[in-house]
C-alpha atoms as a PDB file:
ATOM      1  CA  MET A   1     -42.598  77.464  38.321  1.00  0.00           C
ATOM      2  CA  ASN A   2     -44.759  75.486  40.912  1.00  0.00           C
ATOM      3  CA  ASN A   3     -43.131  74.633  44.212  1.00  0.00           C
ATOM      4  CA  PHE A   4     -46.163  72.932  45.403  1.00  0.00           C
ATOM      5  CA  GLU A   5     -45.716  70.073  47.744  1.00  0.00           C
ATOM      6  CA  PRO A   6     -48.547  68.066  49.052  1.00  0.00           C
ATOM      7  CA  MET A   7     -49.026  67.890  52.902  1.00  0.00           C
ATOM      8  CA  SER A   8     -48.441  64.803  54.896  1.00  0.00           C
ATOM      9  CA  VAL A   9     -51.271  63.059  56.629  1.00  0.00           C
ATOM     10  CA  ALA A  10     -49.918  64.216  59.865  1.00  0.00           C
ATOM     11  CA  GLU A  11     -49.994  67.793  58.652  1.00  0.00           C
ATOM     12  CA  LEU A  12     -53.533  67.536  57.428  1.00  0.00           C
ATOM     13  CA  ASN A  13     -54.703  66.080  60.661  1.00  0.00           C
ATOM     14  CA  LEU A  14     -53.106  68.875  62.579  1.00  0.00           C
ATOM     15  CA  ARG A  15     -54.997  71.348  60.303  1.00  0.00           C
ATOM     16  CA  ILE A  16     -58.279  69.606  60.826  1.00  0.00           C
ATOM     17  CA  ASP A  17     -57.763  69.590  64.574  1.00  0.00           C
ATOM     18  CA  LYS A  18     -56.873  73.230  64.643  1.00  0.00           C
ATOM     19  CA  SER A  19     -60.003  74.283  62.533  1.00  0.00           C
ATOM     20  CA  GLU A  20     -62.321  72.219  64.784  1.00  0.00           C
ATOM     21  CA  GLU A  21     -60.864  73.992  67.729  1.00  0.00           C
ATOM     22  CA  ASP A  22     -61.268  77.309  66.125  1.00  0.00           C
ATOM     23  CA  PHE A  23     -64.792  76.531  65.168  1.00  0.00           C
ATOM     24  CA  LYS A  24     -65.566  75.552  68.794  1.00  0.00           C
ATOM     25  CA  ASN A  25     -64.073  78.466  70.155  1.00  0.00           C
ATOM     26  CA  GLY A  26     -65.874  80.927  67.787  1.00  0.00           C
ATOM     27  CA  ARG A  27     -62.853  81.810  65.626  1.00  0.00           C
ATOM     28  CA  TYR A  28     -64.481  81.593  62.112  1.00  0.00           C
ATOM     29  CA  LYS A  29     -65.920  83.761  59.439  1.00  0.00           C
ATOM     30  CA  THR A  30     -69.279  83.110  57.837  1.00  0.00           C
ATOM     31  CA  SER A  31     -69.733  82.983  53.949  1.00  0.00           C
ATOM     32  CA  LYS A  32     -71.336  86.508  54.154  1.00  0.00           C
ATOM     33  CA  GLU A  33     -68.526  87.844  55.978  1.00  0.00           C
ATOM     34  CA  LEU A  34     -66.079  86.639  53.616  1.00  0.00           C
ATOM     35  CA  LEU A  35     -68.047  87.746  50.539  1.00  0.00           C
ATOM     36  CA  GLU A  36     -68.377  91.337  52.154  1.00  0.00           C
ATOM     37  CA  ARG A  37     -64.672  91.334  52.715  1.00  0.00           C
ATOM     38  CA  PHE A  38     -63.644  90.362  49.301  1.00  0.00           C
ATOM     39  CA  LYS A  39     -66.597  91.878  47.104  1.00  0.00           C
ATOM     40  CA  ASP A  40     -64.820  95.095  46.123  1.00  0.00           C
ATOM     41  CA  LYS A  41     -61.498  93.182  45.228  1.00  0.00           C
ATOM     42  CA  GLU A  42     -62.750  92.197  41.835  1.00  0.00           C
END
């Protein structure tokens, strides 16, 4: 059973704002870092 509920426009905007703030403050992972982290989980 899927309990998925779409987020509101307000929630989406909050997530975008947080992501932009995180990026500005260096709180992000590169694609390479993510691939390294998950490569052994296959």
